Amino acid sequence: MFDQLEWQAAWLLAEKAPPKKTPTLREVIRRIAMLGGFLARKGDGEPGVKTLWQGFARVESFVRGVEKMRENYAI
């Protein structure tokens, strides 16, 4: 569902080290939702569409920026 750069970006934007092995889809979705304002408290349930959309917009902007840097500066 998400490529490696996308799920790693979700962790980097949260200022956390990406996990060594690929996380589950649920973990990635919750991390992205947290970037959109989801608090992930014990009784909160699952994230909604709005927090997912806002979080994914941040991830996509970050990924596009990294890709442009790689194109222009060969990093």
C-alpha atoms as a PDB file:
ATOM      1  CA  MET A   1       0.000   0.000   0.000  1.00  0.00           C
ATOM      2  CA  PHE A   2       2.798   2.445   0.932  1.00  0.00           C
ATOM      3  CA  ASP A   3       6.251   2.356  -0.552  1.00  0.00           C
ATOM      4  CA  GLN A   4       9.292   2.376   1.693  1.00  0.00           C
ATOM      5  CA  LEU A   5       9.978   6.095   1.301  1.00  0.00           C
ATOM      6  CA  GLU A   6       6.396   6.970   2.295  1.00  0.00           C
ATOM      7  CA  TRP A   7       6.265   4.994   5.521  1.00  0.00           C
ATOM      8  CA  GLN A   8       9.769   6.083   6.510  1.00  0.00           C
ATOM      9  CA  ALA A   9       8.776   9.702   5.870  1.00  0.00           C
ATOM     10  CA  ALA A  10       5.891   9.320   8.334  1.00  0.00           C
ATOM     11  CA  TRP A  11       8.362   8.377  11.069  1.00  0.00           C
ATOM     12  CA  LEU A  12      10.887  11.048  10.140  1.00  0.00           C
ATOM     13  CA  LEU A  13       8.238  13.791  10.167  1.00  0.00           C
ATOM     14  CA  ALA A  14       7.278  12.649  13.670  1.00  0.00           C
ATOM     15  CA  GLU A  15      10.962  12.998  14.612  1.00  0.00           C
ATOM     16  CA  LYS A  16      11.254   9.285  15.360  1.00  0.00           C
ATOM     17  CA  ALA A  17      13.716   6.785  13.939  1.00  0.00           C
ATOM     18  CA  PRO A  18      12.058   4.536  11.334  1.00  0.00           C
ATOM     19  CA  PRO A  19      11.754   0.901  12.441  1.00  0.00           C
ATOM     20  CA  LYS A  20      14.282  -1.580  11.077  1.00  0.00           C
ATOM     21  CA  LYS A  21      11.623  -3.877   9.598  1.00  0.00           C
ATOM     22  CA  THR A  22       8.561  -2.839   7.630  1.00  0.00           C
ATOM     23  CA  PRO A  23       5.732  -1.879  10.017  1.00  0.00           C
ATOM     24  CA  THR A  24       2.208  -3.217   9.668  1.00  0.00           C
ATOM     25  CA  LEU A  25      -0.334  -1.319   7.599  1.00  0.00           C
ATOM     26  CA  ARG A  26      -2.197  -0.365  10.792  1.00  0.00           C
ATOM     27  CA  GLU A  27       0.963   1.123  12.325  1.00  0.00           C
ATOM     28  CA  VAL A  28       1.671   3.193   9.203  1.00  0.00           C
ATOM     29  CA  ILE A  29      -1.904   4.453   8.967  1.00  0.00           C
ATOM     30  CA  ARG A  30      -1.957   5.467  12.632  1.00  0.00           C
ATOM     31  CA  ARG A  31       1.410   7.237  12.299  1.00  0.00           C
ATOM     32  CA  ILE A  32       0.161   9.161   9.250  1.00  0.00           C
ATOM     33  CA  ALA A  33      -3.075  10.043  11.056  1.00  0.00           C
ATOM     34  CA  MET A  34      -1.045  11.337  13.998  1.00  0.00           C
ATOM     35  CA  LEU A  35       0.658  13.755  11.598  1.00  0.00           C
ATOM     36  CA  GLY A  36      -2.843  14.988  10.757  1.00  0.00           C
ATOM     37  CA  GLY A  37      -3.861  15.569  14.365  1.00  0.00           C
ATOM     38  CA  PHE A  38      -5.015  12.134  15.549  1.00  0.00           C
ATOM     39  CA  LEU A  39      -4.048  11.775  19.215  1.00  0.00           C
ATOM     40  CA  ALA A  40      -4.052   7.943  19.395  1.00  0.00           C
ATOM     41  CA  ARG A  41      -5.254   7.826  22.979  1.00  0.00           C
ATOM     42  CA  LYS A  42      -6.505   4.588  24.470  1.00  0.00           C
ATOM     43  CA  GLY A  43     -10.213   5.316  23.927  1.00  0.00           C
ATOM     44  CA  ASP A  44      -9.960   7.189  20.623  1.00  0.00           C
ATOM     45  CA  GLY A  45     -10.706   4.282  18.287  1.00  0.00           C
ATOM     46  CA  GLU A  46      -9.418   4.367  14.752  1.00  0.00           C
ATOM     47  CA  PRO A  47      -8.474   7.583  12.884  1.00  0.00           C
ATOM     48  CA  GLY A  48     -10.938   9.310  10.627  1.00  0.00           C
ATOM     49  CA  VAL A  49     -10.743  10.403   7.022  1.00  0.00           C
ATOM     50  CA  LYS A  50      -9.844  14.025   7.804  1.00  0.00           C
ATOM     51  CA  THR A  51      -6.818  13.230   9.979  1.00  0.00           C
ATOM     52  CA  LEU A  52      -5.620  10.658   7.454  1.00  0.00           C
ATOM     53  CA  TRP A  53      -5.984  13.133   4.602  1.00  0.00           C
ATOM     54  CA  GLN A  54      -4.137  15.884   6.479  1.00  0.00           C
ATOM     55  CA  GLY A  55      -1.350  13.547   7.580  1.00  0.00           C
ATOM     56  CA  PHE A  56      -0.934  12.025   4.143  1.00  0.00           C
ATOM     57  CA  ALA A  57      -0.702  15.506   2.600  1.00  0.00           C
ATOM     58  CA  ARG A  58       2.284  16.191   4.869  1.00  0.00           C
ATOM     59  CA  VAL A  59       3.901  12.861   3.985  1.00  0.00           C
ATOM     60  CA  GLU A  60       3.443  13.389   0.256  1.00  0.00           C
ATOM     61  CA  SER A  61       4.932  16.897   0.390  1.00  0.00           C
ATOM     62  CA  PHE A  62       7.932  15.553   2.275  1.00  0.00           C
ATOM     63  CA  VAL A  63       8.404  12.664  -0.179  1.00  0.00           C
ATOM     64  CA  ARG A  64       8.199  15.008  -3.190  1.00  0.00           C
ATOM     65  CA  GLY A  65      10.796  17.277  -1.581  1.00  0.00           C
ATOM     66  CA  VAL A  66      13.161  14.372  -0.954  1.00  0.00           C
ATOM     67  CA  GLU A  67      12.729  13.149  -4.526  1.00  0.00           C
ATOM     68  CA  LYS A  68      13.490  16.627  -5.926  1.00  0.00           C
ATOM     69  CA  MET A  69      16.583  16.882  -3.739  1.00  0.00           C
ATOM     70  CA  ARG A  70      17.751  13.531  -5.035  1.00  0.00           C
ATOM     71  CA  GLU A  71      17.188  14.619  -8.638  1.00  0.00           C
ATOM     72  CA  ASN A  72      18.923  17.959  -8.302  1.00  0.00           C
ATOM     73  CA  TYR A  73      21.704  17.203  -5.841  1.00  0.00           C
ATOM     74  CA  ALA A  74      22.207  13.439  -6.251  1.00  0.00           C
ATOM     75  CA  ILE A  75      21.781  12.641  -2.557  1.00  0.00           C
END
